[in-house]
Amino acid sequence: MKYAPGLPVELHVEREGDMAVIAVRDWGPGIPPEARERIFERFARNTGEHARASLGLGLYISRQLARAHGGDLSVEAPVEGGPGSRFVLRLPRWKKPPGTAPE
């Protein structure tokens, strides 16, 4: 919403085996392939025409939290093509501890 005001943001939630997958797709300018890993580094920000002022910590912290929980956070080009980016959060699905009562 910050990089493409007025354009839609799409949210997809699905299951991949034992992982929960949340994908957020925007219709903004996108992130060049060479910057897709760098934007997750501490104090890193995307540069260029659509860069915004920030500390460069949000994606770094988000990825660290995902990894601390056994998951990951990544960014890719939209699967169906077109402009924008697709951020994908993968987290292990919660499993009820053995021996607990059914709900």
Protein backbone atom coordinates (compact mmCIF):
# COMPACT_ATOMS: atom_id res chain seq x y z
CA MET A 1 0.00 0.00 0.00
CA LYS A 2 2.95 2.28 0.69
CA TYR A 3 4.52 1.77 -2.73
CA ALA A 4 1.40 1.59 -4.88
CA PRO A 5 -1.36 3.68 -3.28
CA GLY A 6 -4.79 3.01 -4.69
CA LEU A 7 -3.81 -0.34 -6.22
CA PRO A 8 -5.00 -3.66 -4.79
CA VAL A 9 -3.09 -5.85 -2.36
CA GLU A 10 -3.90 -9.56 -2.57
CA LEU A 11 -3.60 -12.03 0.30
CA HIS A 12 -3.44 -15.80 -0.20
CA VAL A 13 -3.38 -18.36 2.60
CA GLU A 14 -2.76 -22.04 1.96
CA ARG A 15 -1.24 -25.20 3.37
CA GLU A 16 1.87 -26.88 1.97
CA GLY A 17 2.32 -30.10 3.91
CA ASP A 18 3.17 -29.14 7.49
CA MET A 19 3.63 -25.47 6.60
CA ALA A 20 1.17 -22.60 6.58
CA VAL A 21 1.86 -20.23 3.69
CA ILE A 22 0.75 -16.60 3.63
CA ALA A 23 1.49 -14.70 0.43
CA VAL A 24 0.94 -10.98 -0.06
CA ARG A 25 1.05 -9.66 -3.61
CA ASP A 26 1.12 -5.98 -4.51
CA TRP A 27 0.92 -4.17 -7.83
CA GLY A 28 3.72 -1.68 -7.15
CA PRO A 29 6.98 -1.21 -9.03
CA GLY A 30 8.39 -4.56 -7.88
CA ILE A 31 11.82 -5.46 -6.55
CA PRO A 32 14.63 -6.23 -8.99
CA PRO A 33 15.91 -9.83 -8.78
CA GLU A 34 19.37 -8.66 -7.68
CA ALA A 35 17.86 -6.85 -4.66
CA ARG A 36 15.54 -9.61 -3.42
CA GLU A 37 17.96 -11.01 -0.84
CA ARG A 38 19.60 -7.72 0.03
CA ILE A 39 16.35 -6.11 1.23
CA PHE A 40 16.27 -8.62 4.10
CA GLU A 41 19.66 -7.47 5.43
CA ARG A 42 19.82 -5.23 8.46
CA PHE A 43 19.63 -1.51 7.53
CA ALA A 44 19.17 -2.35 3.83
CA ARG A 45 16.63 -0.52 1.71
CA ASN A 46 15.65 -0.73 -1.90
CA THR A 47 17.03 2.11 -3.97
CA GLY A 48 15.76 3.88 -7.04
CA GLU A 49 12.76 5.87 -8.08
CA HIS A 50 10.34 4.20 -5.64
CA ALA A 51 12.60 4.07 -2.57
CA ARG A 52 11.08 5.37 0.66
CA ALA A 53 12.69 6.69 3.80
CA SER A 54 12.99 3.98 6.44
CA LEU A 55 15.48 2.47 8.85
CA GLY A 56 15.75 -0.71 6.79
CA LEU A 57 14.84 -2.95 9.72
CA GLY A 58 11.28 -4.11 9.06
CA LEU A 59 12.00 -6.92 6.61
CA TYR A 60 15.13 -7.94 8.50
CA ILE A 61 13.20 -8.29 11.78
CA SER A 62 10.28 -10.02 10.06
CA ARG A 63 12.56 -12.64 8.48
CA GLN A 64 14.39 -13.20 11.77
CA LEU A 65 11.06 -13.77 13.57
CA ALA A 66 9.90 -16.20 10.88
CA ARG A 67 13.17 -18.15 11.10
CA ALA A 68 13.04 -18.20 14.91
CA HIS A 69 9.72 -20.04 14.55
CA GLY A 70 11.08 -22.56 12.03
CA GLY A 71 9.82 -20.75 8.94
CA ASP A 72 11.06 -18.20 6.43
CA LEU A 73 10.12 -14.98 4.66
CA SER A 74 11.02 -14.34 1.04
CA VAL A 75 10.09 -12.15 -1.91
CA GLU A 76 9.60 -13.15 -5.52
CA ALA A 77 8.08 -11.94 -8.75
CA PRO A 78 4.32 -12.56 -8.97
CA VAL A 79 3.64 -16.13 -10.11
CA GLU A 80 1.19 -14.97 -12.78
CA GLY A 81 3.55 -12.27 -14.03
CA GLY A 82 2.88 -8.56 -14.20
CA PRO A 83 4.10 -5.75 -11.99
CA GLY A 84 4.61 -5.90 -8.26
CA SER A 85 6.09 -8.28 -5.74
CA ARG A 86 4.93 -11.33 -3.85
CA PHE A 87 6.10 -11.68 -0.25
CA VAL A 88 5.78 -15.22 1.06
CA LEU A 89 5.75 -16.17 4.75
CA ARG A 90 6.09 -19.87 5.52
CA LEU A 91 5.56 -21.09 9.09
CA PRO A 92 5.18 -24.56 10.55
CA ARG A 93 1.57 -25.39 11.32
CA TRP A 94 0.73 -25.73 14.98
CA LYS A 95 0.33 -29.28 16.16
CA LYS A 96 -1.65 -30.20 19.23
CA PRO A 97 0.66 -31.77 21.85
CA PRO A 98 0.10 -35.52 22.26
CA GLY A 99 -2.16 -36.51 25.12
CA THR A 100 -4.27 -33.32 25.11
CA ALA A 101 -8.03 -33.50 25.14
CA PRO A 102 -9.88 -33.06 21.82
CA GLU A 103 -11.60 -29.74 21.26
